[in-house]
Amino acid sequence: MDLIYKIPVVLILGFIVFSLGQGMYYLAKDDGDVDKTRVVKALTVRIVLSLTLFLLLILGYFLGLLQPHGA
């Protein structure tokens, strides 16, 4: 896999983990007075990033950048 393809995949994975942590923080520490939808917004961002990563991996497979291997 080319480096030009690995960098966006790793960045999106990092953003997914960050968004998951952000949602967990808002769920645990937020009392809901400021903005009651921060948890939902953080998890929505995570879902969008996960779908983007999935589409990026499918695109990489069809363009020949990713090669499946046997386990």
Protein backbone atom coordinates (compact mmCIF):
# COMPACT_ATOMS: atom_id res chain seq x y z
CA MET A 1 0.00 0.00 0.00
CA ASP A 2 1.40 3.37 -0.98
CA LEU A 3 2.31 5.93 1.64
CA ILE A 4 0.04 8.49 -0.03
CA TYR A 5 -2.86 6.12 0.71
CA LYS A 6 -1.77 5.12 4.23
CA ILE A 7 -1.62 8.66 5.62
CA PRO A 8 -5.36 9.49 5.12
CA VAL A 9 -6.38 6.10 6.50
CA VAL A 10 -4.32 6.58 9.66
CA LEU A 11 -5.53 10.18 10.05
CA ILE A 12 -9.17 9.16 9.75
CA LEU A 13 -8.61 6.37 12.30
CA GLY A 14 -7.08 8.91 14.66
CA PHE A 15 -10.03 11.27 14.22
CA ILE A 16 -12.44 8.39 14.85
CA VAL A 17 -10.72 7.55 18.16
CA PHE A 18 -10.65 11.25 19.12
CA SER A 19 -14.36 11.65 18.37
CA LEU A 20 -15.16 8.52 20.37
CA GLY A 21 -13.20 9.88 23.33
CA GLN A 22 -14.90 13.24 22.97
CA GLY A 23 -18.33 11.61 23.06
CA MET A 24 -17.34 9.57 26.10
CA TYR A 25 -16.12 12.72 27.87
CA TYR A 26 -19.33 14.61 27.11
CA LEU A 27 -21.40 11.65 28.29
CA ALA A 28 -19.50 11.33 31.58
CA LYS A 29 -18.77 14.95 32.54
CA ASP A 30 -21.37 17.11 30.84
CA ASP A 31 -24.37 18.04 32.96
CA GLY A 32 -26.34 19.13 29.91
CA ASP A 33 -26.80 22.78 30.81
CA VAL A 34 -24.69 24.25 28.02
CA ASP A 35 -25.61 22.12 25.02
CA LYS A 36 -27.64 18.97 25.38
CA THR A 37 -26.71 17.58 21.98
CA ARG A 38 -22.92 17.48 22.25
CA VAL A 39 -22.83 13.71 22.76
CA VAL A 40 -25.03 13.12 19.74
CA LYS A 41 -22.95 15.49 17.61
CA ALA A 42 -19.68 13.79 18.61
CA LEU A 43 -21.04 10.34 17.84
CA THR A 44 -22.52 11.56 14.54
CA VAL A 45 -19.08 12.81 13.55
CA ARG A 46 -17.65 9.40 14.43
CA ILE A 47 -20.21 7.61 12.28
CA VAL A 48 -19.52 9.90 9.32
CA LEU A 49 -15.77 9.36 9.71
CA SER A 50 -16.27 5.59 9.92
CA LEU A 51 -18.34 5.57 6.74
CA THR A 52 -15.72 7.74 5.03
CA LEU A 53 -13.01 5.30 6.04
CA PHE A 54 -15.06 2.37 4.80
CA LEU A 55 -15.62 4.06 1.43
CA LEU A 56 -11.93 4.98 1.21
CA LEU A 57 -10.96 1.34 1.78
CA ILE A 58 -13.43 0.13 -0.84
CA LEU A 59 -12.11 2.73 -3.29
CA GLY A 60 -8.55 1.62 -2.60
CA TYR A 61 -9.50 -1.98 -3.29
CA PHE A 62 -11.16 -1.17 -6.61
CA LEU A 63 -8.26 1.07 -7.69
CA GLY A 64 -5.78 -1.71 -6.91
CA LEU A 65 -4.07 0.06 -4.01
CA LEU A 66 -5.17 -2.62 -1.53
CA GLN A 67 -4.56 -6.30 -2.13
CA PRO A 68 -6.35 -8.95 -0.05
CA HIS A 69 -4.26 -11.75 1.39
CA GLY A 70 -5.08 -15.12 2.83
CA ALA A 71 -5.09 -15.59 6.59
